[in-house]
C-alpha atoms as a PDB file:
ATOM      1  CA  MET A   1     132.787 184.468-238.786  1.00  0.00           C
ATOM      2  CA  TYR A   2     135.932 185.966-237.204  1.00  0.00           C
ATOM      3  CA  ARG A   3     138.640 184.468-235.078  1.00  0.00           C
ATOM      4  CA  GLU A   4     138.310 185.295-231.407  1.00  0.00           C
ATOM      5  CA  VAL A   5     139.696 188.722-230.661  1.00  0.00           C
ATOM      6  CA  ASP A   6     140.868 189.177-227.080  1.00  0.00           C
ATOM      7  CA  SER A   7     140.426 192.293-225.003  1.00  0.00           C
ATOM      8  CA  ILE A   8     137.871 194.317-226.955  1.00  0.00           C
ATOM      9  CA  VAL A   9     136.422 196.721-224.405  1.00  0.00           C
ATOM     10  CA  VAL A  10     132.981 198.260-224.899  1.00  0.00           C
ATOM     11  CA  TYR A  11     132.025 201.233-222.725  1.00  0.00           C
ATOM     12  CA  GLY A  12     128.298 201.820-222.788  1.00  0.00           C
ATOM     13  CA  ALA A  13     124.969 201.852-220.973  1.00  0.00           C
ATOM     14  CA  ASP A  14     122.018 199.473-221.039  1.00  0.00           C
ATOM     15  CA  TRP A  15     119.607 202.273-222.045  1.00  0.00           C
ATOM     16  CA  CYS A  16     121.695 203.134-225.135  1.00  0.00           C
ATOM     17  CA  GLY A  17     120.332 201.675-228.378  1.00  0.00           C
ATOM     18  CA  ASP A  18     123.666 202.021-230.202  1.00  0.00           C
ATOM     19  CA  CYS A  19     125.369 200.204-227.319  1.00  0.00           C
ATOM     20  CA  ARG A  20     122.888 197.318-227.466  1.00  0.00           C
ATOM     21  CA  ARG A  21     123.316 197.109-231.246  1.00  0.00           C
ATOM     22  CA  ALA A  22     127.132 197.058-230.970  1.00  0.00           C
ATOM     23  CA  LYS A  23     126.997 194.330-228.312  1.00  0.00           C
ATOM     24  CA  SER A  24     124.624 192.270-230.459  1.00  0.00           C
ATOM     25  CA  PHE A  25     126.894 192.663-233.477  1.00  0.00           C
ATOM     26  CA  LEU A  26     129.999 191.605-231.549  1.00  0.00           C
ATOM     27  CA  GLU A  27     128.166 188.610-230.077  1.00  0.00           C
ATOM     28  CA  ALA A  28     126.876 187.523-233.504  1.00  0.00           C
ATOM     29  CA  ALA A  29     130.409 187.879-234.890  1.00  0.00           C
ATOM     30  CA  GLY A  30     131.776 185.666-232.114  1.00  0.00           C
ATOM     31  CA  ALA A  31     134.077 188.400-230.849  1.00  0.00           C
ATOM     32  CA  ASP A  32     135.252 188.221-227.246  1.00  0.00           C
ATOM     33  CA  TYR A  33     134.644 191.517-225.465  1.00  0.00           C
ATOM     34  CA  VAL A  34     134.360 193.061-222.019  1.00  0.00           C
ATOM     35  CA  TRP A  35     131.302 195.210-221.288  1.00  0.00           C
ATOM     36  CA  ILE A  36     131.769 198.221-219.000  1.00  0.00           C
ATOM     37  CA  ASP A  37     128.565 199.928-217.868  1.00  0.00           C
ATOM     38  CA  VAL A  38     129.410 203.609-217.555  1.00  0.00           C
ATOM     39  CA  GLU A  39     126.190 204.249-215.620  1.00  0.00           C
ATOM     40  CA  ARG A  40     127.375 202.059-212.758  1.00  0.00           C
ATOM     41  CA  ASP A  41     130.955 203.322-212.524  1.00  0.00           C
ATOM     42  CA  PRO A  42     131.652 207.074-212.711  1.00  0.00           C
ATOM     43  CA  ALA A  43     135.399 206.461-212.987  1.00  0.00           C
ATOM     44  CA  LYS A  44     134.832 204.251-216.053  1.00  0.00           C
ATOM     45  CA  ALA A  45     132.499 206.897-217.511  1.00  0.00           C
ATOM     46  CA  ALA A  46     135.315 209.431-217.189  1.00  0.00           C
ATOM     47  CA  GLU A  47     137.698 206.923-218.784  1.00  0.00           C
ATOM     48  CA  ALA A  48     135.316 206.463-221.727  1.00  0.00           C
ATOM     49  CA  ARG A  49     135.056 210.266-222.162  1.00  0.00           C
ATOM     50  CA  ARG A  50     138.853 210.552-222.136  1.00  0.00           C
ATOM     51  CA  ILE A  51     139.347 207.706-224.629  1.00  0.00           C
ATOM     52  CA  GLY A  52     136.490 208.699-226.936  1.00  0.00           C
ATOM     53  CA  GLY A  53     136.997 212.444-226.700  1.00  0.00           C
ATOM     54  CA  SER A  54     133.302 213.069-226.002  1.00  0.00           C
ATOM     55  CA  THR A  55     130.329 211.849-224.004  1.00  0.00           C
ATOM     56  CA  ARG A  56     129.046 209.705-226.894  1.00  0.00           C
ATOM     57  CA  ILE A  57     128.760 205.968-226.378  1.00  0.00           C
ATOM     58  CA  PRO A  58     129.492 203.238-227.090  1.00  0.00           C
ATOM     59  CA  VAL A  59     133.239 203.612-227.061  1.00  0.00           C
ATOM     60  CA  VAL A  60     134.814 200.445-228.438  1.00  0.00           C
ATOM     61  CA  VAL A  61     138.523 199.882-227.825  1.00  0.00           C
ATOM     62  CA  PHE A  62     140.290 197.134-229.784  1.00  0.00           C
ATOM     63  CA  PRO A  63     143.438 195.266-228.704  1.00  0.00           C
ATOM     64  CA  ASP A  64     145.525 197.143-231.287  1.00  0.00           C
ATOM     65  CA  GLY A  65     144.544 200.431-229.610  1.00  0.00           C
ATOM     66  CA  SER A  66     142.095 201.568-232.263  1.00  0.00           C
ATOM     67  CA  VAL A  67     138.981 203.262-230.936  1.00  0.00           C
ATOM     68  CA  LEU A  68     135.518 203.579-232.440  1.00  0.00           C
ATOM     69  CA  VAL A  69     132.882 205.914-231.016  1.00  0.00           C
ATOM     70  CA  GLU A  70     129.242 205.177-231.866  1.00  0.00           C
ATOM     71  CA  PRO A  71     130.363 202.803-234.613  1.00  0.00           C
ATOM     72  CA  SER A  72     128.075 201.447-237.286  1.00  0.00           C
ATOM     73  CA  ASP A  73     127.922 197.704-237.873  1.00  0.00           C
ATOM     74  CA  ALA A  74     130.020 198.251-241.024  1.00  0.00           C
ATOM     75  CA  GLU A  75     132.727 200.029-239.004  1.00  0.00           C
ATOM     76  CA  LEU A  76     132.745 197.254-236.413  1.00  0.00           C
ATOM     77  CA  GLU A  77     132.963 194.619-239.137  1.00  0.00           C
ATOM     78  CA  ALA A  78     135.827 196.374-240.908  1.00  0.00           C
ATOM     79  CA  THR A  79     137.812 196.713-237.683  1.00  0.00           C
ATOM     80  CA  LEU A  80     137.201 193.077-236.755  1.00  0.00           C
ATOM     81  CA  ARG A  81     138.376 191.969-240.207  1.00  0.00           C
ATOM     82  CA  ARG A  82     141.589 194.004-239.820  1.00  0.00           C
ATOM     83  CA  SER A  83     142.126 192.346-236.425  1.00  0.00           C
ATOM     84  CA  ALA A  84     141.526 188.824-237.740  1.00  0.00           C
END
């Protein structure tokens, strides 16, 4: 569906429904991403808060530096298309 996009970083937690949905969307789209579980690493949780400007997750960081916080599938798709 999309060309492989390197270095997408997803900050989230396994208990988070929006995080699971975002991961599923990225996987279905064939996007390459790195998952960071903020529950397991307090330093990464603080990093996600700093990047996203809040405690909301997921925080999705794209290689071009754009950031989405709690993105919808449509927002993820639009950003992936811009990156393709």
